[in-house]
C-alpha atoms as a PDB file:
ATOM      1  CA  MET A   1     -12.652 -42.682  -1.056  1.00  0.00           C
ATOM      2  CA  THR A   2      -8.766 -43.175  -0.087  1.00  0.00           C
ATOM      3  CA  LYS A   3      -7.064 -40.930   1.800  1.00  0.00           C
ATOM      4  CA  ASN A   4      -4.918 -39.678  -1.371  1.00  0.00           C
ATOM      5  CA  LYS A   5      -7.531 -38.873  -3.784  1.00  0.00           C
ATOM      6  CA  GLN A   6      -9.679 -37.060  -0.599  1.00  0.00           C
ATOM      7  CA  ILE A   7      -6.161 -34.992  -0.445  1.00  0.00           C
ATOM      8  CA  ILE A   8      -5.705 -34.435  -4.094  1.00  0.00           C
ATOM      9  CA  ILE A   9      -9.502 -32.949  -3.812  1.00  0.00           C
ATOM     10  CA  SER A  10      -8.493 -31.100  -0.769  1.00  0.00           C
ATOM     11  CA  LEU A  11      -5.675 -29.158  -2.721  1.00  0.00           C
ATOM     12  CA  LEU A  12      -6.987 -28.699  -6.187  1.00  0.00           C
ATOM     13  CA  PRO A  13      -8.747 -25.532  -4.912  1.00  0.00           C
ATOM     14  CA  PHE A  14      -5.491 -24.085  -3.369  1.00  0.00           C
ATOM     15  CA  PHE A  15      -3.532 -25.169  -6.558  1.00  0.00           C
ATOM     16  CA  LEU A  16      -5.621 -23.946  -8.827  1.00  0.00           C
ATOM     17  CA  SER A  17      -5.941 -20.381  -6.950  1.00  0.00           C
ATOM     18  CA  ALA A  18      -2.339 -20.319  -6.848  1.00  0.00           C
ATOM     19  CA  GLY A  19      -2.085 -20.191 -10.160  1.00  0.00           C
ATOM     20  CA  LEU A  20      -4.198 -17.431 -10.607  1.00  0.00           C
ATOM     21  CA  VAL A  21      -1.149 -15.259  -9.130  1.00  0.00           C
ATOM     22  CA  TYR A  22       0.686 -16.414 -12.787  1.00  0.00           C
ATOM     23  CA  LEU A  23      -2.576 -14.055 -14.351  1.00  0.00           C
ATOM     24  CA  PHE A  24      -2.999 -11.606 -12.440  1.00  0.00           C
ATOM     25  CA  TRP A  25       0.361 -11.158 -10.421  1.00  0.00           C
ATOM     26  CA  ARG A  26      -0.188  -7.146 -11.404  1.00  0.00           C
ATOM     27  CA  GLN A  27      -3.684  -6.792 -10.263  1.00  0.00           C
ATOM     28  CA  SER A  28      -3.377  -7.512  -6.401  1.00  0.00           C
ATOM     29  CA  LEU A  29      -7.537  -6.102  -5.911  1.00  0.00           C
ATOM     30  CA  LEU A  30      -8.408  -8.802  -8.435  1.00  0.00           C
ATOM     31  CA  LEU A  31      -6.304 -11.229  -6.682  1.00  0.00           C
ATOM     32  CA  LEU A  32      -7.163 -10.306  -3.282  1.00  0.00           C
ATOM     33  CA  PHE A  33     -11.398 -10.088  -4.099  1.00  0.00           C
ATOM     34  CA  LEU A  34     -10.567 -13.794  -5.849  1.00  0.00           C
ATOM     35  CA  TYR A  35      -8.522 -14.853  -2.922  1.00  0.00           C
ATOM     36  CA  THR A  36     -11.041 -13.962  -0.327  1.00  0.00           C
ATOM     37  CA  SER A  37     -14.171 -15.860  -2.315  1.00  0.00           C
ATOM     38  CA  VAL A  38     -13.010 -18.494  -2.744  1.00  0.00           C
ATOM     39  CA  LEU A  39     -11.666 -18.538   1.020  1.00  0.00           C
ATOM     40  CA  MET A  40     -15.227 -17.753   1.871  1.00  0.00           C
ATOM     41  CA  VAL A  41     -16.707 -20.403   0.000  1.00  0.00           C
ATOM     42  CA  GLU A  42     -14.603 -23.002   1.152  1.00  0.00           C
ATOM     43  CA  ILE A  43     -15.348 -21.893   4.648  1.00  0.00           C
ATOM     44  CA  PHE A  44     -18.922 -21.967   4.162  1.00  0.00           C
ATOM     45  CA  LEU A  45     -18.763 -25.498   3.090  1.00  0.00           C
ATOM     46  CA  GLY A  46     -16.856 -26.746   5.095  1.00  0.00           C
ATOM     47  CA  ASN A  47     -18.509 -27.543   8.604  1.00  0.00           C
ATOM     48  CA  GLU A  48     -15.684 -26.160  10.921  1.00  0.00           C
ATOM     49  CA  ARG A  49     -16.222 -22.991  10.432  1.00  0.00           C
ATOM     50  CA  ILE A  50     -15.446 -21.103  13.931  1.00  0.00           C
ATOM     51  CA  VAL A  51     -12.177 -22.970  14.071  1.00  0.00           C
ATOM     52  CA  GLU A  52     -11.456 -22.202  10.036  1.00  0.00           C
ATOM     53  CA  ILE A  53     -12.158 -18.369  10.632  1.00  0.00           C
ATOM     54  CA  ARG A  54     -10.129 -18.527  13.296  1.00  0.00           C
ATOM     55  CA  LEU A  55      -7.307 -20.091  11.616  1.00  0.00           C
ATOM     56  CA  VAL A  56      -7.586 -17.857   8.299  1.00  0.00           C
ATOM     57  CA  THR A  57      -7.119 -14.787  11.196  1.00  0.00           C
ATOM     58  CA  LEU A  58      -4.017 -16.474  12.478  1.00  0.00           C
ATOM     59  CA  GLY A  59      -2.421 -17.081   8.611  1.00  0.00           C
ATOM     60  CA  ILE A  60      -3.057 -13.785   7.328  1.00  0.00           C
ATOM     61  CA  LEU A  61      -0.958 -12.513  10.759  1.00  0.00           C
ATOM     62  CA  TRP A  62       1.634 -14.276  10.614  1.00  0.00           C
ATOM     63  CA  GLY A  63       1.589 -14.174   7.320  1.00  0.00           C
ATOM     64  CA  VAL A  64       2.330 -10.108   7.440  1.00  0.00           C
ATOM     65  CA  VAL A  65       4.767 -10.418  10.068  1.00  0.00           C
ATOM     66  CA  LEU A  66       6.637 -13.007   8.147  1.00  0.00           C
ATOM     67  CA  GLU A  67       6.664 -11.504   4.708  1.00  0.00           C
ATOM     68  CA  THR A  68       7.354  -8.373   6.591  1.00  0.00           C
ATOM     69  CA  VAL A  69      10.270  -9.513   8.114  1.00  0.00           C
ATOM     70  CA  GLY A  70      11.902 -11.341   4.862  1.00  0.00           C
ATOM     71  CA  ILE A  71      11.263  -7.887   3.351  1.00  0.00           C
ATOM     72  CA  SER A  72      12.676  -5.851   5.917  1.00  0.00           C
ATOM     73  CA  SER A  73      15.593  -8.196   6.381  1.00  0.00           C
ATOM     74  CA  GLY A  74      16.624  -7.995   2.560  1.00  0.00           C
ATOM     75  CA  TYR A  75      15.590 -11.572   1.762  1.00  0.00           C
ATOM     76  CA  HIS A  76      13.093 -11.188  -0.671  1.00  0.00           C
ATOM     77  CA  THR A  77      11.035  -7.643  -2.653  1.00  0.00           C
ATOM     78  CA  PHE A  78       7.804  -8.293  -4.871  1.00  0.00           C
ATOM     79  CA  ASN A  79       7.437  -6.786  -7.856  1.00  0.00           C
ATOM     80  CA  ASN A  80       4.186  -5.241  -7.366  1.00  0.00           C
ATOM     81  CA  PRO A  81       3.855  -4.562  -3.605  1.00  0.00           C
ATOM     82  CA  ASP A  82       0.837  -2.765  -2.273  1.00  0.00           C
ATOM     83  CA  PHE A  83       0.797  -2.274   1.583  1.00  0.00           C
ATOM     84  CA  MET A  84       4.245  -2.612   3.755  1.00  0.00           C
ATOM     85  CA  GLY A  85       6.058  -4.096   1.017  1.00  0.00           C
ATOM     86  CA  ILE A  86       3.761  -6.873   0.629  1.00  0.00           C
ATOM     87  CA  PRO A  87       0.837  -7.215  -2.148  1.00  0.00           C
ATOM     88  CA  LEU A  88      -2.328  -6.930  -0.651  1.00  0.00           C
ATOM     89  CA  TRP A  89      -3.620 -10.517  -1.751  1.00  0.00           C
ATOM     90  CA  LEU A  90      -0.751 -12.975   0.113  1.00  0.00           C
ATOM     91  CA  PRO A  91      -1.774 -12.798   3.394  1.00  0.00           C
ATOM     92  CA  VAL A  92      -5.151 -14.780   2.734  1.00  0.00           C
ATOM     93  CA  PHE A  93      -3.375 -16.659   0.733  1.00  0.00           C
ATOM     94  CA  TRP A  94      -1.153 -17.393   3.846  1.00  0.00           C
ATOM     95  CA  GLY A  95      -4.779 -17.879   5.681  1.00  0.00           C
ATOM     96  CA  TYR A  96      -5.817 -19.871   2.713  1.00  0.00           C
ATOM     97  CA  GLY A  97      -2.354 -22.230   3.180  1.00  0.00           C
ATOM     98  CA  PHE A  98      -3.531 -22.599   7.036  1.00  0.00           C
ATOM     99  CA  ILE A  99      -7.073 -24.422   6.138  1.00  0.00           C
ATOM    100  CA  ILE A 100      -5.376 -26.556   3.530  1.00  0.00           C
ATOM    101  CA  ALA A 101      -2.785 -27.547   6.075  1.00  0.00           C
ATOM    102  CA  LYS A 102      -5.578 -28.528   8.750  1.00  0.00           C
ATOM    103  CA  ARG A 103      -7.593 -29.992   6.497  1.00  0.00           C
ATOM    104  CA  VAL A 104      -5.053 -32.154   4.544  1.00  0.00           C
ATOM    105  CA  SER A 105      -3.172 -33.394   8.214  1.00  0.00           C
ATOM    106  CA  SER A 106      -7.084 -34.088   9.456  1.00  0.00           C
ATOM    107  CA  ILE A 107      -7.125 -36.200   5.951  1.00  0.00           C
ATOM    108  CA  VAL A 108      -4.159 -38.170   7.042  1.00  0.00           C
ATOM    109  CA  TYR A 109      -5.192 -38.580  10.659  1.00  0.00           C
ATOM    110  CA  THR A 110      -8.982 -39.189  10.324  1.00  0.00           C
ATOM    111  CA  GLY A 111      -9.523 -40.149   6.933  1.00  0.00           C
ATOM    112  CA  SER A 112     -11.878 -37.152   7.043  1.00  0.00           C
ATOM    113  CA  PRO A 113     -11.056 -33.356   6.065  1.00  0.00           C
ATOM    114  CA  PHE A 114     -13.124 -31.728   9.017  1.00  0.00           C
ATOM    115  CA  LYS A 115     -12.388 -33.781  12.596  1.00  0.00           C
ATOM    116  CA  ASN A 116     -16.567 -34.129  13.415  1.00  0.00           C
ATOM    117  CA  SER A 117     -17.624 -35.531   9.555  1.00  0.00           C
ATOM    118  CA  PRO A 118     -17.468 -39.142  10.408  1.00  0.00           C
ATOM    119  CA  ARG A 119     -15.174 -41.583   8.394  1.00  0.00           C
END
């Protein structure tokens, strides 16, 4: 499989889940549940679970920090905030983004979304 095809396949679930915001932006708990479920399935299907759990944790923490700074500085606001001015689902989506970035960069450099997979 070509690298471009692997990248598209890796990005597809991320972009589809991003589309859920359009449909359910007023229902933060539902989005939180959906994103957490998708994220757990993605991690479970991968073969670098420990690395990806650490990346998700880092992404969630960075998401909270960066969104909170953006809100407190007046840079942006959310129409439906839940916690510290941000929707509950958004930090989980940041964590998901960290995993996708790792997988795409692994495809570019090794030809596989997982470091330990054969080419």
